[in-house]
């Protein structure tokens, strides 16, 4: 039997951090990205989801945005190393990933 979602929280929750809100099945539904691809993004170091006490991945809102961005870049032909570089550059430049660009360029 599955644990209720309310019991799947991380230690960070008490500190008000946005960590560990969504189990994998919810993340898949929110992003449209298959679970194996999300696990691959984790293995490549693109995201580090929190874990429940039972070892389940718990993705934050930030993780969900990263998954969406990574999937979009991957669909455009960018490999995982390139995705990692692009996302790091966006973070450094303060670009909000889901924000459309004014010039229409990417």
Protein backbone atom coordinates (compact mmCIF):
# COMPACT_ATOMS: atom_id res chain seq x y z
CA UNK A 1 0.00 0.00 0.00
CA UNK A 2 1.29 3.45 -0.89
CA UNK A 3 2.06 6.06 1.72
CA UNK A 4 -0.14 9.19 1.71
CA UNK A 5 1.51 12.15 -0.03
CA UNK A 6 1.46 14.12 3.24
CA UNK A 7 3.93 11.62 4.74
CA UNK A 8 6.38 11.96 1.84
CA UNK A 9 8.22 15.06 2.97
CA UNK A 10 11.88 15.86 3.42
CA UNK A 11 13.76 17.34 6.34
CA UNK A 12 14.02 20.60 4.37
CA UNK A 13 10.26 21.14 4.59
CA UNK A 14 10.53 22.53 8.09
CA UNK A 15 12.98 25.16 6.88
CA UNK A 16 10.54 26.50 4.29
CA UNK A 17 12.64 25.37 1.35
CA UNK A 18 10.99 24.35 -1.91
CA UNK A 19 12.23 20.76 -1.87
CA UNK A 20 10.59 17.44 -2.30
CA UNK A 21 6.99 18.20 -3.15
CA UNK A 22 6.27 15.79 -6.00
CA UNK A 23 6.80 12.04 -6.33
CA UNK A 24 7.95 10.74 -9.73
CA UNK A 25 4.48 9.88 -11.04
CA UNK A 26 3.25 13.41 -10.31
CA UNK A 27 6.37 14.93 -11.92
CA UNK A 28 5.76 12.82 -15.04
CA UNK A 29 2.18 14.08 -15.19
CA UNK A 30 3.21 17.70 -14.70
CA UNK A 31 6.00 17.69 -17.29
CA UNK A 32 4.97 15.08 -19.83
CA UNK A 33 8.52 13.71 -19.56
CA UNK A 34 8.91 9.96 -19.04
CA UNK A 35 10.30 8.75 -15.71
CA UNK A 36 13.35 7.13 -17.32
CA UNK A 37 14.31 10.49 -18.86
CA UNK A 38 13.95 12.27 -15.51
CA UNK A 39 16.20 9.61 -13.94
CA UNK A 40 18.68 10.15 -16.80
CA UNK A 41 18.71 13.90 -16.11
CA UNK A 42 19.46 13.12 -12.47
CA UNK A 43 22.29 10.75 -13.43
CA UNK A 44 23.75 13.47 -15.66
CA UNK A 45 23.74 15.91 -12.74
CA UNK A 46 21.06 18.22 -14.13
CA UNK A 47 18.94 17.93 -10.99
CA UNK A 48 19.20 16.50 -7.50
CA UNK A 49 15.77 15.59 -6.20
CA UNK A 50 15.28 15.12 -2.48
CA UNK A 51 14.49 11.62 -1.21
CA UNK A 52 11.78 10.35 1.09
CA UNK A 53 12.77 8.16 4.02
CA UNK A 54 11.90 5.21 1.77
CA UNK A 55 14.21 6.41 -1.01
CA UNK A 56 11.56 7.82 -3.38
CA UNK A 57 12.55 10.81 -5.48
CA UNK A 58 10.78 14.01 -4.44
CA UNK A 59 11.02 16.81 -6.98
CA UNK A 60 10.63 20.51 -6.19
CA UNK A 61 9.03 23.21 -8.34
CA UNK A 62 12.55 24.15 -9.46
CA UNK A 63 13.25 20.54 -10.43
CA UNK A 64 10.01 20.48 -12.47
CA UNK A 65 11.13 23.61 -14.37
CA UNK A 66 14.56 22.06 -14.99
CA UNK A 67 12.98 18.86 -16.32
CA UNK A 68 10.77 20.85 -18.71
CA UNK A 69 13.71 22.92 -19.93
CA UNK A 70 15.98 19.92 -20.33
CA UNK A 71 13.33 18.04 -22.30
CA UNK A 72 12.77 21.03 -24.58
CA UNK A 73 16.48 21.42 -25.24
CA UNK A 74 16.86 17.69 -25.81
CA UNK A 75 14.00 17.75 -28.33
CA UNK A 76 15.92 20.49 -30.16
CA UNK A 77 18.93 18.19 -30.49
CA UNK A 78 21.08 19.35 -27.56
CA UNK A 79 22.95 16.54 -25.78
CA UNK A 80 23.01 16.20 -21.99
CA UNK A 81 26.38 17.90 -21.62
CA UNK A 82 25.14 20.83 -23.67
CA UNK A 83 21.92 21.01 -21.67
CA UNK A 84 23.93 21.15 -18.45
CA UNK A 85 26.05 24.03 -19.77
CA UNK A 86 23.02 25.96 -21.07
CA UNK A 87 21.09 25.59 -17.82
CA UNK A 88 24.15 26.64 -15.79
CA UNK A 89 24.57 29.72 -18.00
CA UNK A 90 20.90 30.62 -17.57
CA UNK A 91 21.25 30.35 -13.80
CA UNK A 92 24.33 32.57 -13.78
CA UNK A 93 22.68 35.12 -16.06
CA UNK A 94 19.49 35.10 -13.99
CA UNK A 95 17.33 34.00 -16.90
CA UNK A 96 14.04 32.51 -15.78
CA UNK A 97 13.76 29.26 -17.79
CA UNK A 98 10.04 29.41 -18.59
CA UNK A 99 10.16 33.09 -19.54
CA UNK A 100 9.75 33.75 -23.29
CA UNK A 101 12.51 35.73 -24.98
CA UNK A 102 11.54 39.09 -26.49
CA UNK A 103 13.50 38.58 -29.69
CA UNK A 104 12.03 35.10 -30.22
CA UNK A 105 15.52 33.60 -30.30
CA UNK A 106 16.70 30.78 -28.11
